[in-house]
Amino acid sequence: MASVDVTSPTKVKFDADDVVDKQKQRQPPTQRYDRKEVQKRLDIEQWMDDQLKRLFGCQSDMETYPELDLDDVMKIEDSNREHKLEEYLRDCILPAEVPAFIKELLEKLQTVKPS
């Protein structure tokens, strides 16, 4: 248990049981994960969000549209992924652009490591 030295308000003494092995301490997320991989995932998620807004005709951030989660898409079997995405996007207002969106999304997914 920690104890505070009342003669000096800036000193804190720890018992031996309170000291945690530095290797067991949690690392910040930027050290646990590859920063480039995290940024790549964020970029793809932002791209997906922008494309979905466009496909569903959202003019403002206040309008709702079906959201698509990158991790959920990656969990779908490769052989079934395109079909599931087509089903998901069947109600969009720009159906002619759905195949191009799906193709580009599938290409982007190949560059991402599974979580």
C-alpha atoms as a PDB file:
ATOM      1  CA  MET A   1       0.000   0.000   0.000  1.00  0.00           C
ATOM      2  CA  ALA A   2       1.261   3.515  -0.732  1.00  0.00           C
ATOM      3  CA  SER A   3       1.945   5.909   2.091  1.00  0.00           C
ATOM      4  CA  VAL A   4       2.461   9.648   1.891  1.00  0.00           C
ATOM      5  CA  ASP A   5       5.286  11.310   3.814  1.00  0.00           C
ATOM      6  CA  VAL A   6       3.503  14.141   5.635  1.00  0.00           C
ATOM      7  CA  THR A   7       6.723  16.141   6.020  1.00  0.00           C
ATOM      8  CA  SER A   8       7.112  16.387   2.275  1.00  0.00           C
ATOM      9  CA  PRO A   9       3.909  16.517   0.209  1.00  0.00           C
ATOM     10  CA  THR A  10       5.742  15.504  -2.980  1.00  0.00           C
ATOM     11  CA  LYS A  11       7.103  12.184  -1.700  1.00  0.00           C
ATOM     12  CA  VAL A  12       5.140   8.965  -1.945  1.00  0.00           C
ATOM     13  CA  LYS A  13       6.579   5.718  -0.610  1.00  0.00           C
ATOM     14  CA  PHE A  14       5.444   2.367  -1.982  1.00  0.00           C
ATOM     15  CA  ASP A  15       5.570  -0.961  -0.248  1.00  0.00           C
ATOM     16  CA  ALA A  16       7.289  -3.744  -2.159  1.00  0.00           C
ATOM     17  CA  ASP A  17       3.883  -5.295  -3.010  1.00  0.00           C
ATOM     18  CA  ASP A  18       2.760  -2.103  -4.760  1.00  0.00           C
ATOM     19  CA  VAL A  19       5.581  -1.997  -7.257  1.00  0.00           C
ATOM     20  CA  VAL A  20       4.485  -3.626 -10.507  1.00  0.00           C
ATOM     21  CA  ASP A  21       6.973  -5.278 -12.784  1.00  0.00           C
ATOM     22  CA  LYS A  22       7.457  -2.828 -15.662  1.00  0.00           C
ATOM     23  CA  GLN A  23       7.098  -5.588 -18.232  1.00  0.00           C
ATOM     24  CA  LYS A  24       3.623  -6.389 -16.934  1.00  0.00           C
ATOM     25  CA  GLN A  25       2.423  -2.809 -17.146  1.00  0.00           C
ATOM     26  CA  ARG A  26       0.066  -2.084 -19.991  1.00  0.00           C
ATOM     27  CA  GLN A  27       1.660  -0.350 -22.891  1.00  0.00           C
ATOM     28  CA  PRO A  28      -0.097   2.534 -24.607  1.00  0.00           C
ATOM     29  CA  PRO A  29      -2.088   1.474 -27.689  1.00  0.00           C
ATOM     30  CA  THR A  30       0.437   3.040 -30.050  1.00  0.00           C
ATOM     31  CA  GLN A  31       3.063   0.635 -28.726  1.00  0.00           C
ATOM     32  CA  ARG A  32       0.826  -2.449 -28.616  1.00  0.00           C
ATOM     33  CA  TYR A  33      -0.236  -2.067 -32.222  1.00  0.00           C
ATOM     34  CA  ASP A  34       1.587  -1.074 -35.338  1.00  0.00           C
ATOM     35  CA  ARG A  35       0.859   2.632 -35.750  1.00  0.00           C
ATOM     36  CA  LYS A  36       0.809   2.348 -39.555  1.00  0.00           C
ATOM     37  CA  GLU A  37      -1.706  -0.495 -39.371  1.00  0.00           C
ATOM     38  CA  VAL A  38      -3.957   1.496 -37.028  1.00  0.00           C
ATOM     39  CA  GLN A  39      -3.784   4.498 -39.352  1.00  0.00           C
ATOM     40  CA  LYS A  40      -4.532   2.310 -42.383  1.00  0.00           C
ATOM     41  CA  ARG A  41      -7.636   0.926 -40.653  1.00  0.00           C
ATOM     42  CA  LEU A  42      -8.785   4.424 -39.689  1.00  0.00           C
ATOM     43  CA  ASP A  43      -8.299   5.641 -43.263  1.00  0.00           C
ATOM     44  CA  ILE A  44     -10.358   2.748 -44.638  1.00  0.00           C
ATOM     45  CA  GLU A  45     -13.109   3.310 -42.066  1.00  0.00           C
ATOM     46  CA  GLN A  46     -13.251   7.018 -42.961  1.00  0.00           C
ATOM     47  CA  TRP A  47     -13.349   6.169 -46.666  1.00  0.00           C
ATOM     48  CA  MET A  48     -16.165   3.651 -46.051  1.00  0.00           C
ATOM     49  CA  ASP A  49     -18.108   6.211 -44.049  1.00  0.00           C
ATOM     50  CA  ASP A  50     -17.756   8.852 -46.785  1.00  0.00           C
ATOM     51  CA  GLN A  51     -18.774   6.379 -49.500  1.00  0.00           C
ATOM     52  CA  LEU A  52     -21.805   5.161 -47.546  1.00  0.00           C
ATOM     53  CA  LYS A  53     -22.985   8.730 -47.020  1.00  0.00           C
ATOM     54  CA  ARG A  54     -22.698   9.295 -50.761  1.00  0.00           C
ATOM     55  CA  LEU A  55     -24.374   5.990 -51.715  1.00  0.00           C
ATOM     56  CA  PHE A  56     -27.306   6.663 -49.383  1.00  0.00           C
ATOM     57  CA  GLY A  57     -27.600  10.330 -50.374  1.00  0.00           C
ATOM     58  CA  CYS A  58     -26.817  11.891 -47.009  1.00  0.00           C
ATOM     59  CA  GLN A  59     -26.267  15.629 -47.347  1.00  0.00           C
ATOM     60  CA  SER A  60     -25.463  16.349 -43.699  1.00  0.00           C
ATOM     61  CA  ASP A  61     -23.939  14.569 -40.725  1.00  0.00           C
ATOM     62  CA  MET A  62     -27.346  14.608 -39.046  1.00  0.00           C
ATOM     63  CA  GLU A  63     -28.893  12.235 -41.595  1.00  0.00           C
ATOM     64  CA  THR A  64     -28.775   8.572 -40.772  1.00  0.00           C
ATOM     65  CA  TYR A  65     -27.604   5.786 -43.024  1.00  0.00           C
ATOM     66  CA  PRO A  66     -26.703   2.155 -42.412  1.00  0.00           C
ATOM     67  CA  GLU A  67     -23.242   1.945 -40.915  1.00  0.00           C
ATOM     68  CA  LEU A  68     -20.751  -0.685 -41.929  1.00  0.00           C
ATOM     69  CA  ASP A  69     -18.092  -1.835 -39.475  1.00  0.00           C
ATOM     70  CA  LEU A  70     -14.701  -2.787 -40.887  1.00  0.00           C
ATOM     71  CA  ASP A  71     -14.201  -5.603 -38.367  1.00  0.00           C
ATOM     72  CA  ASP A  72     -17.642  -7.044 -39.126  1.00  0.00           C
ATOM     73  CA  VAL A  73     -16.905  -7.033 -42.848  1.00  0.00           C
ATOM     74  CA  MET A  74     -13.567  -8.752 -42.258  1.00  0.00           C
ATOM     75  CA  LYS A  75     -15.276 -11.501 -40.225  1.00  0.00           C
ATOM     76  CA  ILE A  76     -17.432 -12.513 -43.188  1.00  0.00           C
ATOM     77  CA  GLU A  77     -16.009 -15.437 -45.166  1.00  0.00           C
ATOM     78  CA  ASP A  78     -14.158 -14.278 -48.270  1.00  0.00           C
ATOM     79  CA  SER A  79     -16.370 -16.330 -50.561  1.00  0.00           C
ATOM     80  CA  ASN A  80     -19.539 -14.787 -49.097  1.00  0.00           C
ATOM     81  CA  ARG A  81     -18.321 -11.219 -48.504  1.00  0.00           C
ATOM     82  CA  GLU A  82     -19.312  -9.684 -51.845  1.00  0.00           C
ATOM     83  CA  HIS A  83     -22.839 -11.154 -51.685  1.00  0.00           C
ATOM     84  CA  LYS A  84     -23.364  -9.926 -48.111  1.00  0.00           C
ATOM     85  CA  LEU A  85     -22.196  -6.424 -49.044  1.00  0.00           C
ATOM     86  CA  GLU A  86     -24.596  -6.367 -52.013  1.00  0.00           C
ATOM     87  CA  GLU A  87     -27.472  -7.329 -49.699  1.00  0.00           C
ATOM     88  CA  TYR A  88     -26.460  -4.670 -47.214  1.00  0.00           C
ATOM     89  CA  LEU A  89     -26.359  -1.955 -49.883  1.00  0.00           C
ATOM     90  CA  ARG A  90     -29.487  -2.935 -51.828  1.00  0.00           C
ATOM     91  CA  ASP A  91     -31.493   0.067 -50.530  1.00  0.00           C
ATOM     92  CA  CYS A  92     -28.981   2.756 -51.467  1.00  0.00           C
ATOM     93  CA  ILE A  93     -30.005   5.516 -53.889  1.00  0.00           C
ATOM     94  CA  LEU A  94     -27.028   4.937 -56.219  1.00  0.00           C
ATOM     95  CA  PRO A  95     -27.231   1.196 -57.007  1.00  0.00           C
ATOM     96  CA  ALA A  96     -25.118   1.549 -60.156  1.00  0.00           C
ATOM     97  CA  GLU A  97     -22.141   2.568 -58.007  1.00  0.00           C
ATOM     98  CA  VAL A  98     -22.382  -0.339 -55.565  1.00  0.00           C
ATOM     99  CA  PRO A  99     -20.203  -2.782 -57.579  1.00  0.00           C
ATOM    100  CA  ALA A 100     -17.363  -0.227 -57.799  1.00  0.00           C
ATOM    101  CA  PHE A 101     -17.622   0.465 -54.051  1.00  0.00           C
ATOM    102  CA  ILE A 102     -17.545  -3.243 -53.215  1.00  0.00           C
ATOM    103  CA  LYS A 103     -14.618  -3.890 -55.552  1.00  0.00           C
ATOM    104  CA  GLU A 104     -12.560  -1.070 -54.043  1.00  0.00           C
ATOM    105  CA  LEU A 105     -13.483  -2.087 -50.488  1.00  0.00           C
ATOM    106  CA  LEU A 106     -12.424  -5.691 -51.117  1.00  0.00           C
ATOM    107  CA  GLU A 107      -9.119  -4.456 -52.534  1.00  0.00           C
ATOM    108  CA  LYS A 108      -8.557  -2.287 -49.452  1.00  0.00           C
ATOM    109  CA  LEU A 109      -9.397  -5.197 -47.130  1.00  0.00           C
ATOM    110  CA  GLN A 110      -6.565  -7.234 -48.637  1.00  0.00           C
ATOM    111  CA  THR A 111      -4.080  -4.660 -47.321  1.00  0.00           C
ATOM    112  CA  VAL A 112      -5.319  -4.868 -43.714  1.00  0.00           C
ATOM    113  CA  LYS A 113      -4.204  -7.407 -41.141  1.00  0.00           C
ATOM    114  CA  PRO A 114      -7.080  -9.192 -39.388  1.00  0.00           C
ATOM    115  CA  SER A 115      -7.640  -7.985 -35.833  1.00  0.00           C
END
